[in-house]
Amino acid sequence: MRSRQPRQLLLALLGEFAIDRDSSPIPASAFIELLDAAGIAAPATRATLDRMEQRGLIARERRGREIVFSPMPDGIAMLREATERVRDPRPFHAANGVWTFVTFSLPEDLRSLRSRLRSTLTWEGFAPLRDGLWVAPGEIDLTAALEGLRGELPTGALLAFHGRELSGFPMAESARAAWDIDAIRAEHVAFLSTWAGATEESPSALVARTMLVADWLALLRADPRLPRELLDDDWPADRSLALYRELRARTAEPAAEEFAALVERRTRARAAAS
């Protein structure tokens, strides 16, 4: 069985069903019920909601005996950026011969900021090319990618530039050294293996949709969109995309209906208990 973290599932759920709907806050019990169906115990869900609140991604409010949560501006911005990637019609495409380079240096007392910067760069498709130099395929919009971090970065701590491959100096070997291409392929194979026929077996379209999007976000993070000439002819990305689109379309309406019913049921139960 594929392992999924509660944070992955909560972000997938919020991105799919919370940010594009004008609605009341979501009861904590709704999150707990859904993640329980996905194999996550209630204490882990509660702890993850607490951490997301502490990071300013969601806001907590007590209504009677129930706790409800709403996305905060920082959380909405992060979810919208992730949603753009989730809905990108060409998620594994990169311009051939164009690369984005980043070099940065942060002191030891900014270790947390350095970790967040590395995580952001990884999400954008970067990998360390050599000591102090990171590279990503294509022209990455770092102004948008680093919007939440730029105010914290010391002046001159990060430099970035776009570059093109020079004739006689191919990037292929450097790219293969920076990224574990076999591991990227394995992530695609695992996604295909997990989801081939999976929705027919699931009693809940909402649970299936939430797990599907969580797995898709993990795959997008794992695959940096390398130029296809660096990959073999049987690269599985197109098969992954076709399967994801099929399952997303199949679960769209029933999952939305289940989510609305779940929130309404839990809201009524909260009102009755007050």
C-alpha atoms as a PDB file:
ATOM      1  CA  MET A   1       0.000   0.000   0.000  1.00  0.00           C
ATOM      2  CA  ARG A   2       1.289   3.479  -0.886  1.00  0.00           C
ATOM      3  CA  SER A   3       2.273   5.560   2.147  1.00  0.00           C
ATOM      4  CA  ARG A   4       0.721   9.029   2.365  1.00  0.00           C
ATOM      5  CA  GLN A   5       1.341  11.671   5.009  1.00  0.00           C
ATOM      6  CA  PRO A   6      -1.647  13.471   6.576  1.00  0.00           C
ATOM      7  CA  ARG A   7      -0.286  16.844   5.434  1.00  0.00           C
ATOM      8  CA  GLN A   8      -0.264  15.667   1.812  1.00  0.00           C
ATOM      9  CA  LEU A   9      -3.878  14.567   2.071  1.00  0.00           C
ATOM     10  CA  LEU A  10      -5.058  17.718   3.846  1.00  0.00           C
ATOM     11  CA  LEU A  11      -3.392  19.978   1.277  1.00  0.00           C
ATOM     12  CA  ALA A  12      -4.884  17.926  -1.550  1.00  0.00           C
ATOM     13  CA  LEU A  13      -8.334  18.157   0.028  1.00  0.00           C
ATOM     14  CA  LEU A  14      -8.111  21.913   0.631  1.00  0.00           C
ATOM     15  CA  GLY A  15      -6.721  22.585  -2.824  1.00  0.00           C
ATOM     16  CA  GLU A  16      -9.472  20.613  -4.515  1.00  0.00           C
ATOM     17  CA  PHE A  17     -12.497  21.626  -2.450  1.00  0.00           C
ATOM     18  CA  ALA A  18     -11.811  24.693  -0.286  1.00  0.00           C
ATOM     19  CA  ILE A  19     -10.096  27.513  -2.151  1.00  0.00           C
ATOM     20  CA  ASP A  20     -12.516  27.806  -5.082  1.00  0.00           C
ATOM     21  CA  ARG A  21     -15.727  27.677  -3.081  1.00  0.00           C
ATOM     22  CA  ASP A  22     -17.353  30.468  -1.091  1.00  0.00           C
ATOM     23  CA  SER A  23     -18.420  28.531   1.943  1.00  0.00           C
ATOM     24  CA  SER A  24     -18.327  28.358   5.697  1.00  0.00           C
ATOM     25  CA  PRO A  25     -15.279  26.940   7.515  1.00  0.00           C
ATOM     26  CA  ILE A  26     -14.768  23.187   7.453  1.00  0.00           C
ATOM     27  CA  PRO A  27     -15.385  21.230  10.678  1.00  0.00           C
ATOM     28  CA  ALA A  28     -12.363  19.413  12.068  1.00  0.00           C
ATOM     29  CA  SER A  29     -14.515  16.290  12.304  1.00  0.00           C
ATOM     30  CA  ALA A  30     -14.933  16.325   8.505  1.00  0.00           C
ATOM     31  CA  PHE A  31     -11.160  16.268   8.042  1.00  0.00           C
ATOM     32  CA  ILE A  32     -10.835  13.505  10.624  1.00  0.00           C
ATOM     33  CA  GLU A  33     -13.551  11.352   9.052  1.00  0.00           C
ATOM     34  CA  LEU A  34     -12.129  11.648   5.548  1.00  0.00           C
ATOM     35  CA  LEU A  35      -8.509  10.997   6.524  1.00  0.00           C
ATOM     36  CA  ASP A  36      -9.578   8.064   8.675  1.00  0.00           C
ATOM     37  CA  ALA A  37     -11.079   6.521   5.526  1.00  0.00           C
ATOM     38  CA  ALA A  38      -7.691   7.129   3.859  1.00  0.00           C
ATOM     39  CA  GLY A  39      -5.860   5.251   6.624  1.00  0.00           C
ATOM     40  CA  ILE A  40      -4.779   8.170   8.838  1.00  0.00           C
ATOM     41  CA  ALA A  41      -5.612   7.966  12.549  1.00  0.00           C
ATOM     42  CA  ALA A  42      -7.431  10.886  14.168  1.00  0.00           C
ATOM     43  CA  PRO A  43      -4.510  11.958  16.454  1.00  0.00           C
ATOM     44  CA  ALA A  44      -2.224  12.326  13.422  1.00  0.00           C
ATOM     45  CA  THR A  45      -4.837  14.423  11.612  1.00  0.00           C
ATOM     46  CA  ARG A  46      -5.342  16.682  14.639  1.00  0.00           C
ATOM     47  CA  ALA A  47      -1.588  17.137  15.087  1.00  0.00           C
ATOM     48  CA  THR A  48      -1.168  18.024  11.417  1.00  0.00           C
ATOM     49  CA  LEU A  49      -4.001  20.568  11.565  1.00  0.00           C
ATOM     50  CA  ASP A  50      -2.277  22.107  14.608  1.00  0.00           C
ATOM     51  CA  ARG A  51       1.026  22.402  12.737  1.00  0.00           C
ATOM     52  CA  MET A  52      -0.660  23.908   9.677  1.00  0.00           C
ATOM     53  CA  GLU A  53      -2.317  26.468  11.950  1.00  0.00           C
ATOM     54  CA  GLN A  54       1.025  27.320  13.574  1.00  0.00           C
ATOM     55  CA  ARG A  55       2.518  27.923  10.115  1.00  0.00           C
ATOM     56  CA  GLY A  56      -0.285  30.350   9.283  1.00  0.00           C
ATOM     57  CA  LEU A  57      -1.784  28.168   6.548  1.00  0.00           C
ATOM     58  CA  ILE A  58      -5.186  27.719   8.215  1.00  0.00           C
ATOM     59  CA  ALA A  59      -7.124  29.472  10.976  1.00  0.00           C
ATOM     60  CA  ARG A  60      -8.902  27.756  13.845  1.00  0.00           C
ATOM     61  CA  GLU A  61     -12.229  28.864  15.280  1.00  0.00           C
ATOM     62  CA  ARG A  62     -14.404  27.314  17.965  1.00  0.00           C
ATOM     63  CA  ARG A  63     -18.113  27.160  17.231  1.00  0.00           C
ATOM     64  CA  GLY A  64     -19.945  25.602  20.124  1.00  0.00           C
ATOM     65  CA  ARG A  65     -18.350  22.245  20.806  1.00  0.00           C
ATOM     66  CA  GLU A  66     -16.774  21.959  17.368  1.00  0.00           C
ATOM     67  CA  ILE A  67     -13.500  23.292  15.948  1.00  0.00           C
ATOM     68  CA  VAL A  68     -13.633  24.593  12.373  1.00  0.00           C
ATOM     69  CA  PHE A  69     -10.821  25.609  10.029  1.00  0.00           C
ATOM     70  CA  SER A  70     -10.488  28.061   7.142  1.00  0.00           C
ATOM     71  CA  PRO A  71      -7.520  28.664   4.803  1.00  0.00           C
ATOM     72  CA  MET A  72      -5.468  31.795   5.598  1.00  0.00           C
ATOM     73  CA  PRO A  73      -4.018  34.115   2.909  1.00  0.00           C
ATOM     74  CA  ASP A  74      -0.600  32.384   2.978  1.00  0.00           C
ATOM     75  CA  GLY A  75      -2.306  29.008   2.763  1.00  0.00           C
ATOM     76  CA  ILE A  76      -4.544  30.132  -0.082  1.00  0.00           C
ATOM     77  CA  ALA A  77      -1.532  31.437  -2.023  1.00  0.00           C
ATOM     78  CA  MET A  78       0.317  28.151  -1.557  1.00  0.00           C
ATOM     79  CA  LEU A  79      -2.757  26.116  -2.499  1.00  0.00           C
ATOM     80  CA  ARG A  80      -3.411  28.179  -5.622  1.00  0.00           C
ATOM     81  CA  GLU A  81       0.187  27.727  -6.771  1.00  0.00           C
ATOM     82  CA  ALA A  82      -0.064  23.976  -6.213  1.00  0.00           C
ATOM     83  CA  THR A  83      -3.442  23.890  -7.956  1.00  0.00           C
ATOM     84  CA  GLU A  84      -1.938  25.535 -11.032  1.00  0.00           C
ATOM     85  CA  ARG A  85       0.606  22.720 -11.175  1.00  0.00           C
ATOM     86  CA  VAL A  86      -2.073  20.075 -10.573  1.00  0.00           C
ATOM     87  CA  ARG A  87      -4.161  21.425 -13.469  1.00  0.00           C
ATOM     88  CA  ASP A  88      -1.247  22.184 -15.816  1.00  0.00           C
ATOM     89  CA  PRO A  89      -2.028  20.531 -19.187  1.00  0.00           C
ATOM     90  CA  ARG A  90       1.715  19.936 -19.780  1.00  0.00           C
ATOM     91  CA  PRO A  91       3.131  19.244 -16.319  1.00  0.00           C
ATOM     92  CA  PHE A  92       6.225  17.362 -17.506  1.00  0.00           C
ATOM     93  CA  HIS A  93       7.253  19.654 -20.378  1.00  0.00           C
ATOM     94  CA  ALA A  94      10.421  21.762 -20.332  1.00  0.00           C
ATOM     95  CA  ALA A  95      11.958  23.908 -23.065  1.00  0.00           C
ATOM     96  CA  ASN A  96      14.915  22.156 -24.676  1.00  0.00           C
ATOM     97  CA  GLY A  97      18.315  23.721 -24.156  1.00  0.00           C
ATOM     98  CA  VAL A  98      17.142  26.329 -21.616  1.00  0.00           C
ATOM     99  CA  TRP A  99      18.083  26.093 -17.938  1.00  0.00           C
ATOM    100  CA  THR A 100      17.688  28.168 -14.784  1.00  0.00           C
ATOM    101  CA  PHE A 101      20.621  28.381 -12.377  1.00  0.00           C
ATOM    102  CA  VAL A 102      20.552  29.458  -8.732  1.00  0.00           C
ATOM    103  CA  THR A 103      23.408  29.934  -6.323  1.00  0.00           C
ATOM    104  CA  PHE A 104      22.853  30.893  -2.689  1.00  0.00           C
ATOM    105  CA  SER A 105      24.668  31.108   0.618  1.00  0.00           C
ATOM    106  CA  LEU A 106      22.964  31.401   4.002  1.00  0.00           C
ATOM    107  CA  PRO A 107      24.613  31.436   7.458  1.00  0.00           C
ATOM    108  CA  GLU A 108      24.107  28.651   9.952  1.00  0.00           C
ATOM    109  CA  ASP A 109      21.719  30.727  12.083  1.00  0.00           C
ATOM    110  CA  LEU A 110      19.298  30.787   9.105  1.00  0.00           C
ATOM    111  CA  ARG A 111      19.160  26.999   8.870  1.00  0.00           C
ATOM    112  CA  SER A 112      15.347  26.926   8.859  1.00  0.00           C
ATOM    113  CA  LEU A 113      15.185  29.460   6.026  1.00  0.00           C
ATOM    114  CA  ARG A 114      17.797  27.461   4.098  1.00  0.00           C
ATOM    115  CA  SER A 115      15.698  24.299   4.498  1.00  0.00           C
ATOM    116  CA  ARG A 116      12.566  26.086   3.255  1.00  0.00           C
ATOM    117  CA  LEU A 117      14.491  27.533   0.310  1.00  0.00           C
ATOM    118  CA  ARG A 118      15.787  24.113  -0.680  1.00  0.00           C
ATOM    119  CA  SER A 119      12.286  22.658  -0.392  1.00  0.00           C
ATOM    120  CA  THR A 120      10.887  25.428  -2.611  1.00  0.00           C
ATOM    121  CA  LEU A 121      13.625  24.942  -5.195  1.00  0.00           C
ATOM    122  CA  THR A 122      13.005  21.187  -5.232  1.00  0.00           C
ATOM    123  CA  TRP A 123       9.288  21.771  -5.825  1.00  0.00           C
ATOM    124  CA  GLU A 124      10.209  24.034  -8.765  1.00  0.00           C
ATOM    125  CA  GLY A 125      12.334  21.274 -10.331  1.00  0.00           C
ATOM    126  CA  PHE A 126      15.808  22.271  -9.113  1.00  0.00           C
ATOM    127  CA  ALA A 127      18.588  19.916  -8.064  1.00  0.00           C
ATOM    128  CA  PRO A 128      22.126  20.647  -6.859  1.00  0.00           C
ATOM    129  CA  LEU A 129      24.445  20.529  -9.864  1.00  0.00           C
ATOM    130  CA  ARG A 130      27.567  21.002  -7.758  1.00  0.00           C
ATOM    131  CA  ASP A 131      28.444  22.647  -4.457  1.00  0.00           C
ATOM    132  CA  GLY A 132      26.437  25.854  -4.123  1.00  0.00           C
ATOM    133  CA  LEU A 133      24.902  25.710  -7.611  1.00  0.00           C
ATOM    134  CA  TRP A 134      21.380  24.466  -8.338  1.00  0.00           C
ATOM    135  CA  VAL A 135      19.842  23.957 -11.773  1.00  0.00           C
ATOM    136  CA  ALA A 136      16.347  23.397 -13.184  1.00  0.00           C
ATOM    137  CA  PRO A 137      15.213  22.694 -16.748  1.00  0.00           C
ATOM    138  CA  GLY A 138      13.380  25.526 -18.514  1.00  0.00           C
ATOM    139  CA  GLU A 139      12.932  29.182 -17.595  1.00  0.00           C
ATOM    140  CA  ILE A 140      11.659  29.147 -14.021  1.00  0.00           C
ATOM    141  CA  ASP A 141       9.864  32.275 -12.795  1.00  0.00           C
ATOM    142  CA  LEU A 142      11.768  32.676  -9.537  1.00  0.00           C
ATOM    143  CA  THR A 143      10.045  35.956  -8.678  1.00  0.00           C
ATOM    144  CA  ALA A 144       6.802  34.033  -8.300  1.00  0.00           C
ATOM    145  CA  ALA A 145       8.397  30.856  -6.912  1.00  0.00           C
ATOM    146  CA  LEU A 146      10.228  32.662  -4.095  1.00  0.00           C
ATOM    147  CA  GLU A 147       7.543  35.238  -3.341  1.00  0.00           C
ATOM    148  CA  GLY A 148       7.008  33.941   0.179  1.00  0.00           C
ATOM    149  CA  LEU A 149      10.740  33.851   0.989  1.00  0.00           C
ATOM    150  CA  ARG A 150      12.307  36.893  -0.668  1.00  0.00           C
ATOM    151  CA  GLY A 151      11.525  39.203   2.238  1.00  0.00           C
ATOM    152  CA  GLU A 152      13.522  36.916   4.542  1.00  0.00           C
ATOM    153  CA  LEU A 153      16.545  36.390   2.289  1.00  0.00           C
ATOM    154  CA  PRO A 154      19.521  38.652   3.124  1.00  0.00           C
ATOM    155  CA  THR A 155      20.595  41.027   0.367  1.00  0.00           C
ATOM    156  CA  GLY A 156      22.853  39.227  -2.096  1.00  0.00           C
ATOM    157  CA  ALA A 157      22.258  35.812  -0.527  1.00  0.00           C
ATOM    158  CA  LEU A 158      20.807  34.385  -3.754  1.00  0.00           C
ATOM    159  CA  LEU A 159      21.690  34.899  -7.403  1.00  0.00           C
ATOM    160  CA  ALA A 160      19.763  33.440 -10.328  1.00  0.00           C
ATOM    161  CA  PHE A 161      20.100  33.456 -14.091  1.00  0.00           C
ATOM    162  CA  HIS A 162      18.876  31.687 -17.217  1.00  0.00           C
ATOM    163  CA  GLY A 163      21.314  29.949 -19.529  1.00  0.00           C
ATOM    164  CA  ARG A 164      21.458  28.001 -22.769  1.00  0.00           C
ATOM    165  CA  GLU A 165      23.513  24.976 -23.610  1.00  0.00           C
ATOM    166  CA  LEU A 166      26.628  25.735 -25.678  1.00  0.00           C
ATOM    167  CA  SER A 167      27.530  23.630 -28.681  1.00  0.00           C
ATOM    168  CA  GLY A 168      30.139  21.100 -27.641  1.00  0.00           C
ATOM    169  CA  PHE A 169      29.186  21.343 -23.964  1.00  0.00           C
ATOM    170  CA  PRO A 170      26.055  19.171 -23.600  1.00  0.00           C
ATOM    171  CA  MET A 171      24.128  19.221 -20.333  1.00  0.00           C
ATOM    172  CA  ALA A 172      23.125  15.565 -20.552  1.00  0.00           C
ATOM    173  CA  GLU A 173      25.838  14.131 -18.311  1.00  0.00           C
ATOM    174  CA  SER A 174      25.509  16.958 -15.785  1.00  0.00           C
ATOM    175  CA  ALA A 175      21.741  16.493 -15.666  1.00  0.00           C
ATOM    176  CA  ARG A 176      22.083  12.762 -15.135  1.00  0.00           C
ATOM    177  CA  ALA A 177      24.471  13.479 -12.276  1.00  0.00           C
ATOM    178  CA  ALA A 178      22.133  16.039 -10.675  1.00  0.00           C
ATOM    179  CA  TRP A 179      18.943  13.947 -10.893  1.00  0.00           C
ATOM    180  CA  ASP A 180      18.436  10.265 -10.181  1.00  0.00           C
ATOM    181  CA  ILE A 181      16.575   9.462 -13.398  1.00  0.00           C
ATOM    182  CA  ASP A 182      15.943   5.841 -12.387  1.00  0.00           C
ATOM    183  CA  ALA A 183      14.278   7.083  -9.185  1.00  0.00           C
ATOM    184  CA  ILE A 184      12.084   9.499 -11.168  1.00  0.00           C
ATOM    185  CA  ARG A 185      11.008   6.662 -13.458  1.00  0.00           C
ATOM    186  CA  ALA A 186      10.234   4.533 -10.394  1.00  0.00           C
ATOM    187  CA  GLU A 187       7.900   7.252  -9.087  1.00  0.00           C
ATOM    188  CA  HIS A 188       5.948   7.183 -12.344  1.00  0.00           C
ATOM    189  CA  VAL A 189       5.798   3.395 -12.325  1.00  0.00           C
ATOM    190  CA  ALA A 190       4.525   3.436  -8.727  1.00  0.00           C
ATOM    191  CA  PHE A 191       1.829   5.970  -9.625  1.00  0.00           C
ATOM    192  CA  LEU A 192       0.689   3.887 -12.591  1.00  0.00           C
ATOM    193  CA  SER A 193       0.705   0.705 -10.542  1.00  0.00           C
ATOM    194  CA  THR A 194      -1.235   2.311  -7.673  1.00  0.00           C
ATOM    195  CA  TRP A 195      -3.973   3.876  -9.774  1.00  0.00           C
ATOM    196  CA  ALA A 196      -4.599   1.397 -12.577  1.00  0.00           C
ATOM    197  CA  GLY A 197      -8.156   0.332 -11.733  1.00  0.00           C
ATOM    198  CA  ALA A 198      -7.988   1.801  -8.224  1.00  0.00           C
ATOM    199  CA  THR A 199     -11.079   4.015  -8.349  1.00  0.00           C
ATOM    200  CA  GLU A 200     -13.315   1.064  -9.210  1.00  0.00           C
ATOM    201  CA  GLU A 201     -12.261  -0.531  -5.927  1.00  0.00           C
ATOM    202  CA  SER A 202     -12.846   2.563  -3.768  1.00  0.00           C
ATOM    203  CA  PRO A 203     -16.252   2.938  -2.080  1.00  0.00           C
ATOM    204  CA  SER A 204     -15.749   6.729  -1.895  1.00  0.00           C
ATOM    205  CA  ALA A 205     -15.009   9.012  -4.832  1.00  0.00           C
ATOM    206  CA  LEU A 206     -13.999  11.745  -2.359  1.00  0.00           C
ATOM    207  CA  VAL A 207     -11.390   9.584  -0.634  1.00  0.00           C
ATOM    208  CA  ALA A 208     -10.105   8.345  -3.993  1.00  0.00           C
ATOM    209  CA  ARG A 209      -9.903  11.900  -5.366  1.00  0.00           C
ATOM    210  CA  THR A 210      -8.044  13.168  -2.292  1.00  0.00           C
ATOM    211  CA  MET A 211      -5.495  10.335  -2.421  1.00  0.00           C
ATOM    212  CA  LEU A 212      -5.141  10.720  -6.200  1.00  0.00           C
ATOM    213  CA  VAL A 213      -4.297  14.415  -5.967  1.00  0.00           C
ATOM    214  CA  ALA A 214      -1.922  13.813  -3.039  1.00  0.00           C
ATOM    215  CA  ASP A 215      -0.077  11.207  -5.113  1.00  0.00           C
ATOM    216  CA  TRP A 216      -0.065  13.496  -8.157  1.00  0.00           C
ATOM    217  CA  LEU A 217       1.460  16.335  -6.125  1.00  0.00           C
ATOM    218  CA  ALA A 218       4.149  13.922  -4.902  1.00  0.00           C
ATOM    219  CA  LEU A 219       4.853  12.873  -8.497  1.00  0.00           C
ATOM    220  CA  LEU A 220       5.061  16.495  -9.655  1.00  0.00           C
ATOM    221  CA  ARG A 221       7.579  17.135  -6.903  1.00  0.00           C
ATOM    222  CA  ALA A 222       9.630  14.085  -7.911  1.00  0.00           C
ATOM    223  CA  ASP A 223       9.687  14.815 -11.668  1.00  0.00           C
ATOM    224  CA  PRO A 224      11.639  18.012 -12.536  1.00  0.00           C
ATOM    225  CA  ARG A 225      10.382  18.129 -16.164  1.00  0.00           C
ATOM    226  CA  LEU A 226      13.680  17.189 -17.786  1.00  0.00           C
ATOM    227  CA  PRO A 227      13.984  17.637 -21.576  1.00  0.00           C
ATOM    228  CA  ARG A 228      12.865  14.484 -23.322  1.00  0.00           C
ATOM    229  CA  GLU A 229      16.112  14.087 -25.286  1.00  0.00           C
ATOM    230  CA  LEU A 230      17.790  13.268 -21.956  1.00  0.00           C
ATOM    231  CA  LEU A 231      15.322  10.422 -21.335  1.00  0.00           C
ATOM    232  CA  ASP A 232      14.677   7.113 -23.046  1.00  0.00           C
ATOM    233  CA  ASP A 233      11.941   6.531 -25.629  1.00  0.00           C
ATOM    234  CA  ASP A 234       9.757   4.608 -23.171  1.00  0.00           C
ATOM    235  CA  TRP A 235       9.609   7.387 -20.580  1.00  0.00           C
ATOM    236  CA  PRO A 236       6.358   6.868 -18.588  1.00  0.00           C
ATOM    237  CA  ALA A 237       5.338  10.506 -17.965  1.00  0.00           C
ATOM    238  CA  ASP A 238       2.764  10.605 -20.779  1.00  0.00           C
ATOM    239  CA  ARG A 239       1.091   7.445 -19.443  1.00  0.00           C
ATOM    240  CA  SER A 240       0.974   8.923 -15.954  1.00  0.00           C
ATOM    241  CA  LEU A 241      -0.646  12.098 -17.266  1.00  0.00           C
ATOM    242  CA  ALA A 242      -3.244  10.217 -19.321  1.00  0.00           C
ATOM    243  CA  LEU A 243      -4.233   8.062 -16.341  1.00  0.00           C
ATOM    244  CA  TYR A 244      -4.403  11.053 -13.996  1.00  0.00           C
ATOM    245  CA  ARG A 245      -6.632  13.017 -16.391  1.00  0.00           C
ATOM    246  CA  GLU A 246      -8.961  10.049 -16.799  1.00  0.00           C
ATOM    247  CA  LEU A 247      -9.330   9.504 -13.059  1.00  0.00           C
ATOM    248  CA  ARG A 248      -9.664  13.201 -12.309  1.00  0.00           C
ATOM    249  CA  ALA A 249     -12.528  13.525 -14.796  1.00  0.00           C
ATOM    250  CA  ARG A 250     -14.207  10.364 -13.489  1.00  0.00           C
ATOM    251  CA  THR A 251     -14.154  11.456  -9.839  1.00  0.00           C
ATOM    252  CA  ALA A 252     -14.884  15.188 -10.297  1.00  0.00           C
ATOM    253  CA  GLU A 253     -18.656  15.271  -9.849  1.00  0.00           C
ATOM    254  CA  PRO A 254     -19.181  12.470  -7.303  1.00  0.00           C
ATOM    255  CA  ALA A 255     -16.263  13.690  -5.144  1.00  0.00           C
ATOM    256  CA  ALA A 256     -17.617  17.256  -5.067  1.00  0.00           C
ATOM    257  CA  GLU A 257     -21.052  15.955  -4.093  1.00  0.00           C
ATOM    258  CA  GLU A 258     -19.583  13.763  -1.339  1.00  0.00           C
ATOM    259  CA  PHE A 259     -17.540  16.652   0.053  1.00  0.00           C
ATOM    260  CA  ALA A 260     -20.560  18.972   0.190  1.00  0.00           C
ATOM    261  CA  ALA A 261     -22.613  16.239   1.884  1.00  0.00           C
ATOM    262  CA  LEU A 262     -19.837  15.503   4.393  1.00  0.00           C
ATOM    263  CA  VAL A 263     -19.462  19.151   5.423  1.00  0.00           C
ATOM    264  CA  GLU A 264     -23.240  19.613   5.662  1.00  0.00           C
ATOM    265  CA  ARG A 265     -23.661  16.468   7.757  1.00  0.00           C
ATOM    266  CA  ARG A 266     -20.872  17.415  10.138  1.00  0.00           C
ATOM    267  CA  THR A 267     -22.143  21.004  10.387  1.00  0.00           C
ATOM    268  CA  ARG A 268     -25.647  19.782  11.249  1.00  0.00           C
ATOM    269  CA  ALA A 269     -24.232  17.419  13.859  1.00  0.00           C
ATOM    270  CA  ARG A 270     -22.273  20.311  15.386  1.00  0.00           C
ATOM    271  CA  ALA A 271     -25.399  22.499  15.506  1.00  0.00           C
ATOM    272  CA  ALA A 272     -27.441  19.715  17.104  1.00  0.00           C
ATOM    273  CA  ALA A 273     -24.803  19.189  19.793  1.00  0.00           C
ATOM    274  CA  SER A 274     -24.535  22.890  20.664  1.00  0.00           C
END
